[in-house]
């Protein structure tokens, strides 16, 4: 499945959840230097969907905060749950 994510680097902790203009928000502690935030975001997305890191591939947005990724094995139910704001 193809998912648009919005990466927020420099967060206090890594978290996946919530939405920003229709994109799934991914907070990572890594800074946006040398692709470290992107790699951390892809690993966080894999963990959130319960798939291996190798199942998540960057499609577009290598240098942008808004990225499009393919999640092999991701489901719409998991995506809906992640986009729904928690209490």
N, C-alpha and C. Protein backbone atom coordinates (compact mmCIF):
# COMPACT_ATOMS: atom_id res chain seq x y z
N UNK A 1 0.83 -1.17 0.00
CA UNK A 1 0.00 0.00 0.00
C UNK A 1 0.88 1.23 0.00
N UNK A 2 0.42 2.29 -0.62
CA UNK A 2 1.18 3.53 -0.70
C UNK A 2 0.65 4.50 0.35
N UNK A 3 1.56 5.09 1.12
CA UNK A 3 1.19 5.97 2.23
C UNK A 3 2.00 7.25 2.14
N UNK A 4 1.33 8.38 2.33
CA UNK A 4 2.02 9.66 2.44
C UNK A 4 2.30 9.91 3.91
N UNK A 5 3.56 10.24 4.23
CA UNK A 5 3.93 10.51 5.62
C UNK A 5 4.49 11.92 5.72
N UNK A 6 4.35 12.51 6.89
CA UNK A 6 4.92 13.83 7.20
C UNK A 6 5.90 13.61 8.35
N UNK A 7 7.19 13.80 8.09
CA UNK A 7 8.23 13.53 9.08
C UNK A 7 8.49 14.78 9.91
N UNK A 8 8.56 14.59 11.22
CA UNK A 8 8.90 15.67 12.14
C UNK A 8 10.17 15.27 12.87
N UNK A 9 11.33 15.69 12.34
CA UNK A 9 12.61 15.32 12.96
C UNK A 9 12.86 16.08 14.26
N UNK A 10 13.75 15.55 15.08
CA UNK A 10 14.14 16.21 16.31
C UNK A 10 13.12 16.09 17.43
N UNK A 11 12.24 15.13 17.34
CA UNK A 11 11.22 14.93 18.39
C UNK A 11 11.87 14.31 19.62
N UNK A 12 11.21 14.45 20.75
CA UNK A 12 11.72 13.87 21.98
C UNK A 12 11.71 12.35 21.97
N UNK A 13 10.75 11.78 21.24
CA UNK A 13 10.66 10.33 21.12
C UNK A 13 10.06 9.98 19.77
N UNK A 14 10.31 8.77 19.33
CA UNK A 14 9.77 8.31 18.06
C UNK A 14 8.32 7.89 18.25
N UNK A 15 7.45 8.38 17.38
CA UNK A 15 6.03 8.03 17.45
C UNK A 15 5.41 8.15 16.07
N UNK A 16 4.45 7.28 15.79
CA UNK A 16 3.72 7.30 14.53
C UNK A 16 2.25 7.43 14.87
N UNK A 17 1.62 8.47 14.35
CA UNK A 17 0.19 8.63 14.61
C UNK A 17 -0.26 10.05 14.39
N UNK A 18 -1.54 10.18 14.06
CA UNK A 18 -2.11 11.48 13.79
C UNK A 18 -1.96 11.83 12.32
N UNK A 19 -2.56 12.93 11.95
CA UNK A 19 -2.51 13.33 10.56
C UNK A 19 -2.12 14.78 10.38
N UNK A 20 -1.61 15.09 9.21
CA UNK A 20 -1.26 16.46 8.83
C UNK A 20 -1.56 16.59 7.34
N UNK A 21 -2.62 17.31 7.00
CA UNK A 21 -3.04 17.47 5.61
C UNK A 21 -3.19 16.13 4.89
N UNK A 22 -3.76 15.15 5.57
CA UNK A 22 -4.00 13.84 4.97
C UNK A 22 -2.82 12.88 5.02
N UNK A 23 -1.69 13.34 5.57
CA UNK A 23 -0.51 12.49 5.67
C UNK A 23 -0.37 11.95 7.09
N UNK A 24 0.19 10.78 7.21
CA UNK A 24 0.46 10.16 8.51
C UNK A 24 1.68 10.83 9.12
N UNK A 25 1.56 11.31 10.36
CA UNK A 25 2.66 12.00 11.02
C UNK A 25 3.60 10.99 11.66
N UNK A 26 4.90 11.16 11.39
CA UNK A 26 5.94 10.29 11.95
C UNK A 26 6.95 11.20 12.66
N UNK A 27 7.01 11.09 13.98
CA UNK A 27 7.96 11.87 14.77
C UNK A 27 9.19 11.00 15.05
N UNK A 28 10.37 11.57 14.79
CA UNK A 28 11.61 10.83 15.02
C UNK A 28 12.59 11.72 15.77
N UNK A 29 13.43 11.10 16.57
CA UNK A 29 14.44 11.83 17.32
C UNK A 29 15.61 12.28 16.47
N UNK A 30 15.85 11.59 15.38
CA UNK A 30 17.00 11.91 14.51
C UNK A 30 16.80 13.27 13.85
N UNK A 31 17.90 13.95 13.63
CA UNK A 31 17.88 15.23 12.93
C UNK A 31 17.87 15.00 11.42
N UNK A 32 17.42 16.02 10.70
CA UNK A 32 17.34 15.93 9.24
C UNK A 32 18.71 16.20 8.61
N UNK A 33 19.66 15.33 8.90
CA UNK A 33 21.03 15.47 8.38
C UNK A 33 21.45 14.14 7.77
N UNK A 34 21.95 14.18 6.55
CA UNK A 34 22.46 12.99 5.87
C UNK A 34 21.46 11.85 5.79
N UNK A 35 20.17 12.16 5.69
CA UNK A 35 19.15 11.14 5.53
C UNK A 35 18.82 10.36 6.79
N UNK A 36 19.34 10.79 7.94
CA UNK A 36 19.11 10.04 9.18
C UNK A 36 17.64 10.09 9.61
N UNK A 37 16.99 11.24 9.46
CA UNK A 37 15.58 11.34 9.82
C UNK A 37 14.72 10.48 8.90
N UNK A 38 15.06 10.45 7.62
CA UNK A 38 14.31 9.63 6.67
C UNK A 38 14.44 8.15 7.04
N UNK A 39 15.63 7.70 7.31
CA UNK A 39 15.83 6.29 7.67
C UNK A 39 15.10 5.95 8.96
N UNK A 40 15.16 6.84 9.94
CA UNK A 40 14.46 6.61 11.20
C UNK A 40 12.94 6.56 10.97
N UNK A 41 12.45 7.43 10.08
CA UNK A 41 11.02 7.45 9.78
C UNK A 41 10.58 6.15 9.11
N UNK A 42 11.37 5.65 8.17
CA UNK A 42 11.01 4.40 7.50
C UNK A 42 10.99 3.24 8.49
N UNK A 43 11.94 3.21 9.40
CA UNK A 43 11.98 2.17 10.42
C UNK A 43 10.76 2.28 11.35
N UNK A 44 10.38 3.51 11.70
CA UNK A 44 9.23 3.72 12.57
C UNK A 44 7.93 3.29 11.89
N UNK A 45 7.81 3.59 10.60
CA UNK A 45 6.62 3.18 9.84
C UNK A 45 6.55 1.65 9.78
N UNK A 46 7.66 1.00 9.54
CA UNK A 46 7.68 -0.47 9.50
C UNK A 46 7.22 -1.04 10.83
N UNK A 47 7.73 -0.48 11.92
CA UNK A 47 7.36 -0.95 13.25
C UNK A 47 5.86 -0.73 13.50
N UNK A 48 5.35 0.44 13.12
CA UNK A 48 3.93 0.75 13.34
C UNK A 48 3.00 -0.17 12.56
N UNK A 49 3.42 -0.57 11.36
CA UNK A 49 2.59 -1.47 10.54
C UNK A 49 2.86 -2.94 10.86
N UNK A 50 3.87 -3.22 11.68
CA UNK A 50 4.18 -4.60 12.04
C UNK A 50 4.83 -5.38 10.93
N UNK A 51 5.64 -4.69 10.11
CA UNK A 51 6.35 -5.36 9.02
C UNK A 51 7.85 -5.13 9.19
N UNK A 52 8.64 -5.88 8.43
CA UNK A 52 10.10 -5.69 8.47
C UNK A 52 10.46 -4.36 7.81
N UNK A 53 11.59 -3.82 8.20
CA UNK A 53 12.06 -2.56 7.62
C UNK A 53 12.21 -2.69 6.11
N UNK A 54 12.62 -3.85 5.64
CA UNK A 54 12.80 -4.06 4.20
C UNK A 54 11.49 -4.01 3.42
N UNK A 55 10.35 -4.06 4.12
CA UNK A 55 9.04 -4.01 3.47
C UNK A 55 8.58 -2.57 3.24
N UNK A 56 9.35 -1.60 3.72
CA UNK A 56 8.99 -0.19 3.55
C UNK A 56 10.01 0.46 2.62
N UNK A 57 9.51 1.02 1.52
CA UNK A 57 10.39 1.63 0.52
C UNK A 57 9.98 3.07 0.26
N UNK A 58 10.97 3.95 0.21
CA UNK A 58 10.73 5.35 -0.11
C UNK A 58 10.45 5.48 -1.60
N UNK A 59 9.34 6.15 -1.95
CA UNK A 59 8.97 6.36 -3.35
C UNK A 59 9.40 7.76 -3.78
N UNK A 60 8.99 8.77 -3.02
CA UNK A 60 9.38 10.15 -3.31
C UNK A 60 9.60 10.91 -2.02
N UNK A 61 10.35 12.01 -2.11
CA UNK A 61 10.52 12.90 -0.96
C UNK A 61 11.76 12.68 -0.14
N UNK A 62 12.84 12.23 -0.74
CA UNK A 62 14.07 11.95 0.01
C UNK A 62 14.55 13.15 0.81
N UNK A 63 14.38 14.36 0.29
CA UNK A 63 14.86 15.55 1.00
C UNK A 63 13.72 16.43 1.51
N UNK A 64 12.51 15.94 1.47
CA UNK A 64 11.35 16.70 1.90
C UNK A 64 10.78 16.11 3.19
N UNK A 65 10.08 16.92 3.95
CA UNK A 65 9.43 16.39 5.15
C UNK A 65 8.21 15.55 4.78
N UNK A 66 7.61 15.83 3.63
CA UNK A 66 6.48 15.02 3.16
C UNK A 66 7.03 13.98 2.19
N UNK A 67 6.77 12.72 2.49
CA UNK A 67 7.31 11.62 1.71
C UNK A 67 6.19 10.65 1.34
N UNK A 68 6.42 9.91 0.28
CA UNK A 68 5.50 8.83 -0.11
C UNK A 68 6.29 7.53 0.02
N UNK A 69 5.69 6.57 0.73
CA UNK A 69 6.35 5.28 0.93
C UNK A 69 5.41 4.15 0.52
N UNK A 70 6.00 3.04 0.11
CA UNK A 70 5.26 1.81 -0.13
C UNK A 70 5.47 0.91 1.07
N UNK A 71 4.37 0.39 1.62
CA UNK A 71 4.44 -0.53 2.76
C UNK A 71 3.91 -1.87 2.29
N UNK A 72 4.82 -2.82 2.05
CA UNK A 72 4.44 -4.15 1.61
C UNK A 72 3.88 -4.91 2.81
N UNK A 73 2.62 -5.24 2.76
CA UNK A 73 1.98 -5.94 3.88
C UNK A 73 1.19 -5.02 4.79
N UNK A 74 1.18 -3.72 4.49
CA UNK A 74 0.39 -2.78 5.28
C UNK A 74 -1.09 -2.93 4.98
N UNK A 75 -1.93 -2.65 5.96
CA UNK A 75 -3.37 -2.78 5.76
C UNK A 75 -4.07 -1.45 6.01
N UNK A 76 -5.22 -1.29 5.38
CA UNK A 76 -6.02 -0.07 5.56
C UNK A 76 -6.47 0.08 7.02
N UNK A 77 -6.76 -1.03 7.69
CA UNK A 77 -7.21 -0.97 9.09
C UNK A 77 -6.13 -0.37 9.97
N UNK A 78 -4.88 -0.78 9.78
CA UNK A 78 -3.78 -0.24 10.58
C UNK A 78 -3.60 1.24 10.26
N UNK A 79 -3.66 1.61 9.00
CA UNK A 79 -3.50 3.00 8.61
C UNK A 79 -4.60 3.87 9.23
N UNK A 80 -5.83 3.41 9.18
CA UNK A 80 -6.94 4.16 9.79
C UNK A 80 -6.71 4.35 11.28
N UNK A 81 -6.27 3.28 11.96
CA UNK A 81 -6.02 3.36 13.40
C UNK A 81 -4.91 4.36 13.71
N UNK A 82 -3.87 4.39 12.88
CA UNK A 82 -2.76 5.31 13.10
C UNK A 82 -3.16 6.76 12.83
N UNK A 83 -4.03 6.99 11.86
CA UNK A 83 -4.46 8.34 11.54
C UNK A 83 -5.45 8.89 12.55
N UNK A 84 -6.13 8.03 13.28
CA UNK A 84 -7.12 8.46 14.26
C UNK A 84 -6.41 9.00 15.49
N UNK A 85 -6.71 10.25 15.86
CA UNK A 85 -6.05 10.80 17.05
C UNK A 85 -6.45 10.05 18.31
N UNK A 86 -5.48 9.85 19.16
CA UNK A 86 -5.72 9.13 20.42
C UNK A 86 -6.34 10.04 21.45
N UNK A 87 -6.70 9.48 22.62
CA UNK A 87 -7.33 10.29 23.68
C UNK A 87 -6.40 11.29 24.30
